Amino acid sequence: MAKIQLLPIPEATVRHYFDAGHWTHDTLCDWLFTRADHAPETPAIYHAGTRISYRELSDRVRSLASGLQAF
């Protein structure tokens, strides 16, 4: 399988996007947990006729993380 090679982003570009507010230091989990707090019953995932809310997805992520930490 071919390995994907990422090119470095120039520091000036990084600074520009942070200064403009387009990039933050938030992680994907930060975004998910914030969304679950503000709109817990909003659908996060639709798949094969099943709906998973942001609250349920957040709960599943926390449960998985807790299990991995215990492992």
PDB file of N, CA and C in Angstrom:
ATOM      1  N   MET A   1       0.842  -1.172   0.000  1.00  0.00           N
ATOM      2  CA  MET A   1       0.000   0.000   0.000  1.00  0.00           C
ATOM      3  C   MET A   1       0.892   1.241   0.000  1.00  0.00           C
ATOM      4  N   ALA A   2       0.546   2.214  -0.817  1.00  0.00           N
ATOM      5  CA  ALA A   2       1.333   3.438  -0.924  1.00  0.00           C
ATOM      6  C   ALA A   2       1.160   4.300   0.322  1.00  0.00           C
ATOM      7  N   LYS A   3       2.252   4.869   0.783  1.00  0.00           N
ATOM      8  CA  LYS A   3       2.218   5.737   1.945  1.00  0.00           C
ATOM      9  C   LYS A   3       1.934   7.168   1.494  1.00  0.00           C
ATOM     10  N   ILE A   4       1.041   7.842   2.205  1.00  0.00           N
ATOM     11  CA  ILE A   4       0.725   9.227   1.884  1.00  0.00           C
ATOM     12  C   ILE A   4       1.783  10.128   2.515  1.00  0.00           C
ATOM     13  N   GLN A   5       2.349  11.004   1.726  1.00  0.00           N
ATOM     14  CA  GLN A   5       3.359  11.921   2.236  1.00  0.00           C
ATOM     15  C   GLN A   5       2.755  13.320   2.297  1.00  0.00           C
ATOM     16  N   LEU A   6       2.704  13.875   3.500  1.00  0.00           N
ATOM     17  CA  LEU A   6       2.161  15.212   3.686  1.00  0.00           C
ATOM     18  C   LEU A   6       3.278  16.242   3.620  1.00  0.00           C
ATOM     19  N   LEU A   7       3.011  17.313   2.940  1.00  0.00           N
ATOM     20  CA  LEU A   7       3.994  18.384   2.849  1.00  0.00           C
ATOM     21  C   LEU A   7       3.794  19.338   4.013  1.00  0.00           C
ATOM     22  N   PRO A   8       4.876  19.906   4.543  1.00  0.00           N
ATOM     23  CA  PRO A   8       4.735  20.853   5.650  1.00  0.00           C
ATOM     24  C   PRO A   8       4.024  22.129   5.189  1.00  0.00           C
ATOM     25  N   ILE A   9       3.253  22.708   6.088  1.00  0.00           N
ATOM     26  CA  ILE A   9       2.558  23.964   5.794  1.00  0.00           C
ATOM     27  C   ILE A   9       3.459  25.108   6.260  1.00  0.00           C
ATOM     28  N   PRO A  10       3.706  26.080   5.394  1.00  0.00           N
ATOM     29  CA  PRO A  10       4.570  27.195   5.787  1.00  0.00           C
ATOM     30  C   PRO A  10       4.031  27.927   7.018  1.00  0.00           C
ATOM     31  N   GLU A  11       4.917  28.318   7.918  1.00  0.00           N
ATOM     32  CA  GLU A  11       4.543  28.987   9.162  1.00  0.00           C
ATOM     33  C   GLU A  11       3.685  30.229   8.910  1.00  0.00           C
ATOM     34  N   ALA A  12       3.992  30.990   7.872  1.00  0.00           N
ATOM     35  CA  ALA A  12       3.208  32.192   7.556  1.00  0.00           C
ATOM     36  C   ALA A  12       1.760  31.834   7.223  1.00  0.00           C
ATOM     37  N   THR A  13       1.556  30.723   6.551  1.00  0.00           N
ATOM     38  CA  THR A  13       0.203  30.273   6.209  1.00  0.00           C
ATOM     39  C   THR A  13      -0.545  29.859   7.463  1.00  0.00           C
ATOM     40  N   VAL A  14       0.115  29.122   8.338  1.00  0.00           N
ATOM     41  CA  VAL A  14      -0.491  28.699   9.600  1.00  0.00           C
ATOM     42  C   VAL A  14      -0.898  29.923  10.409  1.00  0.00           C
ATOM     43  N   ARG A  15       0.010  30.870  10.546  1.00  0.00           N
ATOM     44  CA  ARG A  15      -0.257  32.098  11.311  1.00  0.00           C
ATOM     45  C   ARG A  15      -1.453  32.847  10.721  1.00  0.00           C
ATOM     46  N   HIS A  16      -1.497  32.956   9.392  1.00  0.00           N
ATOM     47  CA  HIS A  16      -2.591  33.655   8.718  1.00  0.00           C
ATOM     48  C   HIS A  16      -3.941  33.029   9.067  1.00  0.00           C
ATOM     49  N   TYR A  17      -4.050  31.713   8.961  1.00  0.00           N
ATOM     50  CA  TYR A  17      -5.328  31.047   9.213  1.00  0.00           C
ATOM     51  C   TYR A  17      -5.739  31.099  10.687  1.00  0.00           C
ATOM     52  N   PHE A  18      -4.771  31.016  11.606  1.00  0.00           N
ATOM     53  CA  PHE A  18      -5.100  31.172  13.025  1.00  0.00           C
ATOM     54  C   PHE A  18      -5.538  32.601  13.317  1.00  0.00           C
ATOM     55  N   ASP A  19      -4.798  33.581  12.801  1.00  0.00           N
ATOM     56  CA  ASP A  19      -5.135  34.990  13.037  1.00  0.00           C
ATOM     57  C   ASP A  19      -6.504  35.347  12.466  1.00  0.00           C
ATOM     58  N   ALA A  20      -6.867  34.739  11.339  1.00  0.00           N
ATOM     59  CA  ALA A  20      -8.154  35.017  10.706  1.00  0.00           C
ATOM     60  C   ALA A  20      -9.296  34.253  11.388  1.00  0.00           C
ATOM     61  N   GLY A  21      -8.968  33.350  12.308  1.00  0.00           N
ATOM     62  CA  GLY A  21      -9.982  32.593  13.023  1.00  0.00           C
ATOM     63  C   GLY A  21     -10.495  31.369  12.282  1.00  0.00           C
ATOM     64  N   HIS A  22      -9.849  31.023  11.172  1.00  0.00           N
ATOM     65  CA  HIS A  22     -10.277  29.852  10.403  1.00  0.00           C
ATOM     66  C   HIS A  22      -9.801  28.545  11.035  1.00  0.00           C
ATOM     67  N   TRP A  23      -8.668  28.601  11.702  1.00  0.00           N
ATOM     68  CA  TRP A  23      -8.129  27.430  12.395  1.00  0.00           C
ATOM     69  C   TRP A  23      -8.120  27.729  13.884  1.00  0.00           C
ATOM     70  N   THR A  24      -8.352  26.698  14.693  1.00  0.00           N
ATOM     71  CA  THR A  24      -8.268  26.824  16.145  1.00  0.00           C
ATOM     72  C   THR A  24      -7.462  25.642  16.672  1.00  0.00           C
ATOM     73  N   HIS A  25      -7.282  25.616  17.955  1.00  0.00           N
ATOM     74  CA  HIS A  25      -6.583  24.490  18.575  1.00  0.00           C
ATOM     75  C   HIS A  25      -7.559  23.422  19.049  1.00  0.00           C
ATOM     76  N   ASP A  26      -8.844  23.562  18.670  1.00  0.00           N
ATOM     77  CA  ASP A  26      -9.855  22.572  19.051  1.00  0.00           C
ATOM     78  C   ASP A  26      -9.561  21.239  18.377  1.00  0.00           C
ATOM     79  N   THR A  27      -9.830  20.181  19.118  1.00  0.00           N
ATOM     80  CA  THR A  27      -9.706  18.841  18.550  1.00  0.00           C
ATOM     81  C   THR A  27     -11.068  18.388  18.041  1.00  0.00           C
ATOM     82  N   LEU A  28     -11.104  17.286  17.342  1.00  0.00           N
ATOM     83  CA  LEU A  28     -12.361  16.729  16.871  1.00  0.00           C
ATOM     84  C   LEU A  28     -13.269  16.391  18.055  1.00  0.00           C
ATOM     85  N   CYS A  29     -12.687  15.878  19.128  1.00  0.00           N
ATOM     86  CA  CYS A  29     -13.484  15.570  20.320  1.00  0.00           C
ATOM     87  C   CYS A  29     -14.032  16.839  20.954  1.00  0.00           C
ATOM     88  N   ASP A  30     -13.237  17.911  20.995  1.00  0.00           N
ATOM     89  CA  ASP A  30     -13.741  19.191  21.518  1.00  0.00           C
ATOM     90  C   ASP A  30     -14.978  19.613  20.738  1.00  0.00           C
ATOM     91  N   TRP A  31     -14.893  19.525  19.419  1.00  0.00           N
ATOM     92  CA  TRP A  31     -16.009  19.926  18.571  1.00  0.00           C
ATOM     93  C   TRP A  31     -17.229  19.043  18.845  1.00  0.00           C
ATOM     94  N   LEU A  32     -17.030  17.742  18.922  1.00  0.00           N
ATOM     95  CA  LEU A  32     -18.133  16.813  19.159  1.00  0.00           C
ATOM     96  C   LEU A  32     -18.807  17.087  20.500  1.00  0.00           C
ATOM     97  N   PHE A  33     -18.024  17.233  21.576  1.00  0.00           N
ATOM     98  CA  PHE A  33     -18.597  17.432  22.897  1.00  0.00           C
ATOM     99  C   PHE A  33     -19.324  18.774  22.995  1.00  0.00           C
ATOM    100  N   THR A  34     -18.809  19.802  22.333  1.00  0.00           N
ATOM    101  CA  THR A  34     -19.493  21.096  22.314  1.00  0.00           C
ATOM    102  C   THR A  34     -20.817  20.971  21.583  1.00  0.00           C
ATOM    103  N   ARG A  35     -20.801  20.304  20.447  1.00  0.00           N
ATOM    104  CA  ARG A  35     -22.031  20.112  19.671  1.00  0.00           C
ATOM    105  C   ARG A  35     -23.042  19.299  20.487  1.00  0.00           C
ATOM    106  N   ALA A  36     -22.587  18.279  21.193  1.00  0.00           N
ATOM    107  CA  ALA A  36     -23.478  17.455  22.019  1.00  0.00           C
ATOM    108  C   ALA A  36     -24.083  18.275  23.157  1.00  0.00           C
ATOM    109  N   ASP A  37     -23.338  19.228  23.695  1.00  0.00           N
ATOM    110  CA  ASP A  37     -23.862  20.096  24.750  1.00  0.00           C
ATOM    111  C   ASP A  37     -24.917  21.058  24.219  1.00  0.00           C
ATOM    112  N   HIS A  38     -24.710  21.582  23.005  1.00  0.00           N
ATOM    113  CA  HIS A  38     -25.599  22.606  22.456  1.00  0.00           C
ATOM    114  C   HIS A  38     -26.800  22.046  21.690  1.00  0.00           C
ATOM    115  N   ALA A  39     -26.652  20.884  21.098  1.00  0.00           N
ATOM    116  CA  ALA A  39     -27.744  20.312  20.296  1.00  0.00           C
ATOM    117  C   ALA A  39     -27.723  18.792  20.442  1.00  0.00           C
ATOM    118  N   PRO A  40     -27.984  18.298  21.652  1.00  0.00           N
ATOM    119  CA  PRO A  40     -27.793  16.865  21.915  1.00  0.00           C
ATOM    120  C   PRO A  40     -28.640  15.918  21.079  1.00  0.00           C
ATOM    121  N   GLU A  41     -29.830  16.318  20.707  1.00  0.00           N
ATOM    122  CA  GLU A  41     -30.700  15.408  19.969  1.00  0.00           C
ATOM    123  C   GLU A  41     -30.625  15.586  18.453  1.00  0.00           C
ATOM    124  N   THR A  42     -29.807  16.515  17.988  1.00  0.00           N
ATOM    125  CA  THR A  42     -29.608  16.713  16.552  1.00  0.00           C
ATOM    126  C   THR A  42     -28.889  15.494  15.981  1.00  0.00           C
ATOM    127  N   PRO A  43     -29.342  14.988  14.854  1.00  0.00           N
ATOM    128  CA  PRO A  43     -28.672  13.826  14.262  1.00  0.00           C
ATOM    129  C   PRO A  43     -27.228  14.139  13.862  1.00  0.00           C
ATOM    130  N   ALA A  44     -26.335  13.295  14.300  1.00  0.00           N
ATOM    131  CA  ALA A  44     -24.925  13.420  13.935  1.00  0.00           C
ATOM    132  C   ALA A  44     -24.598  12.492  12.771  1.00  0.00           C
ATOM    133  N   ILE A  45     -25.250  11.327  12.763  1.00  0.00           N
ATOM    134  CA  ILE A  45     -24.981  10.309  11.744  1.00  0.00           C
ATOM    135  C   ILE A  45     -26.301   9.675  11.313  1.00  0.00           C
ATOM    136  N   TYR A  46     -26.473   9.567  10.020  1.00  0.00           N
ATOM    137  CA  TYR A  46     -27.548   8.760   9.432  1.00  0.00           C
ATOM    138  C   TYR A  46     -26.865   7.648   8.648  1.00  0.00           C
ATOM    139  N   HIS A  47     -27.243   6.411   8.913  1.00  0.00           N
ATOM    140  CA  HIS A  47     -26.663   5.312   8.147  1.00  0.00           C
ATOM    141  C   HIS A  47     -27.649   4.155   8.128  1.00  0.00           C
ATOM    142  N   ALA A  48     -27.954   3.682   6.932  1.00  0.00           N
ATOM    143  CA  ALA A  48     -28.814   2.516   6.732  1.00  0.00           C
ATOM    144  C   ALA A  48     -30.110   2.610   7.549  1.00  0.00           C
ATOM    145  N   GLY A  49     -30.714   3.803   7.545  1.00  0.00           N
ATOM    146  CA  GLY A  49     -31.972   3.995   8.246  1.00  0.00           C
ATOM    147  C   GLY A  49     -31.841   4.226   9.739  1.00  0.00           C
ATOM    148  N   THR A  50     -30.624   4.255  10.248  1.00  0.00           N
ATOM    149  CA  THR A  50     -30.385   4.477  11.671  1.00  0.00           C
ATOM    150  C   THR A  50     -29.897   5.903  11.886  1.00  0.00           C
ATOM    151  N   ARG A  51     -30.393   6.511  12.960  1.00  0.00           N
ATOM    152  CA  ARG A  51     -29.996   7.872  13.308  1.00  0.00           C
ATOM    153  C   ARG A  51     -29.278   7.832  14.652  1.00  0.00           C
ATOM    154  N   ILE A  52     -28.122   8.471  14.722  1.00  0.00           N
ATOM    155  CA  ILE A  52     -27.386   8.586  15.979  1.00  0.00           C
ATOM    156  C   ILE A  52     -27.261  10.069  16.288  1.00  0.00           C
ATOM    157  N   SER A  53     -27.728  10.465  17.462  1.00  0.00           N
ATOM    158  CA  SER A  53     -27.678  11.877  17.857  1.00  0.00           C
ATOM    159  C   SER A  53     -26.266  12.242  18.327  1.00  0.00           C
ATOM    160  N   TYR A  54     -26.021  13.543  18.420  1.00  0.00           N
ATOM    161  CA  TYR A  54     -24.727  13.988  18.940  1.00  0.00           C
ATOM    162  C   TYR A  54     -24.525  13.521  20.372  1.00  0.00           C
ATOM    163  N   ARG A  55     -25.594  13.488  21.167  1.00  0.00           N
ATOM    164  CA  ARG A  55     -25.476  13.005  22.543  1.00  0.00           C
ATOM    165  C   ARG A  55     -25.041  11.549  22.563  1.00  0.00           C
ATOM    166  N   GLU A  56     -25.690  10.722  21.744  1.00  0.00           N
ATOM    167  CA  GLU A  56     -25.355   9.296  21.714  1.00  0.00           C
ATOM    168  C   GLU A  56     -23.936   9.070  21.181  1.00  0.00           C
ATOM    169  N   LEU A  57     -23.572   9.796  20.153  1.00  0.00           N
ATOM    170  CA  LEU A  57     -22.221   9.665  19.607  1.00  0.00           C
ATOM    171  C   LEU A  57     -21.182  10.081  20.646  1.00  0.00           C
ATOM    172  N   SER A  58     -21.461  11.179  21.332  1.00  0.00           N
ATOM    173  CA  SER A  58     -20.565  11.650  22.388  1.00  0.00           C
ATOM    174  C   SER A  58     -20.429  10.597  23.485  1.00  0.00           C
ATOM    175  N   ASP A  59     -21.560  10.003  23.898  1.00  0.00           N
ATOM    176  CA  ASP A  59     -21.526   8.957  24.918  1.00  0.00           C
ATOM    177  C   ASP A  59     -20.704   7.760  24.457  1.00  0.00           C
ATOM    178  N   ARG A  60     -20.854   7.380  23.196  1.00  0.00           N
ATOM    179  CA  ARG A  60     -20.099   6.236  22.655  1.00  0.00           C
ATOM    180  C   ARG A  60     -18.600   6.534  22.598  1.00  0.00           C
ATOM    181  N   VAL A  61     -18.258   7.752  22.215  1.00  0.00           N
ATOM    182  CA  VAL A  61     -16.844   8.140  22.152  1.00  0.00           C
ATOM    183  C   VAL A  61     -16.236   8.126  23.553  1.00  0.00           C
ATOM    184  N   ARG A  62     -16.952   8.687  24.523  1.00  0.00           N
ATOM    185  CA  ARG A  62     -16.456   8.692  25.912  1.00  0.00           C
ATOM    186  C   ARG A  62     -16.295   7.261  26.443  1.00  0.00           C
ATOM    187  N   SER A  63     -17.251   6.395  26.128  1.00  0.00           N
ATOM    188  CA  SER A  63     -17.194   5.014  26.572  1.00  0.00           C
ATOM    189  C   SER A  63     -15.990   4.284  25.955  1.00  0.00           C
ATOM    190  N   LEU A  64     -15.795   4.498  24.663  1.00  0.00           N
ATOM    191  CA  LEU A  64     -14.649   3.878  23.985  1.00  0.00           C
ATOM    192  C   LEU A  64     -13.328   4.387  24.581  1.00  0.00           C
ATOM    193  N   ALA A  65     -13.240   5.684  24.790  1.00  0.00           N
ATOM    194  CA  ALA A  65     -12.013   6.268  25.345  1.00  0.00           C
ATOM    195  C   ALA A  65     -11.752   5.732  26.754  1.00  0.00           C
ATOM    196  N   SER A  66     -12.802   5.609  27.530  1.00  0.00           N
ATOM    197  CA  SER A  66     -12.679   5.087  28.892  1.00  0.00           C
ATOM    198  C   SER A  66     -12.201   3.635  28.862  1.00  0.00           C
ATOM    199  N   GLY A  67     -12.772   2.855  27.964  1.00  0.00           N
ATOM    200  CA  GLY A  67     -12.354   1.458  27.830  1.00  0.00           C
ATOM    201  C   GLY A  67     -10.900   1.331  27.390  1.00  0.00           C
ATOM    202  N   LEU A  68     -10.501   2.170  26.459  1.00  0.00           N
ATOM    203  CA  LEU A  68      -9.091   2.137  26.008  1.00  0.00           C
ATOM    204  C   LEU A  68      -8.150   2.554  27.124  1.00  0.00           C
ATOM    205  N   GLN A  69      -8.573   3.549  27.898  1.00  0.00           N
ATOM    206  CA  GLN A  69      -7.736   4.011  28.998  1.00  0.00           C
ATOM    207  C   GLN A  69      -7.595   2.910  30.056  1.00  0.00           C
ATOM    208  N   ALA A  70      -8.674   2.189  30.322  1.00  0.00           N
ATOM    209  CA  ALA A  70      -8.630   1.108  31.298  1.00  0.00           C
ATOM    210  C   ALA A  70      -7.761  -0.059  30.813  1.00  0.00           C
ATOM    211  N   PHE A  71      -7.750  -0.258  29.501  1.00  0.00           N
ATOM    212  CA  PHE A  71      -6.975  -1.337  28.905  1.00  0.00           C
ATOM    213  C   PHE A  71      -5.495  -1.082  29.092  1.00  0.00           C
TER     214      PHE A  71
END
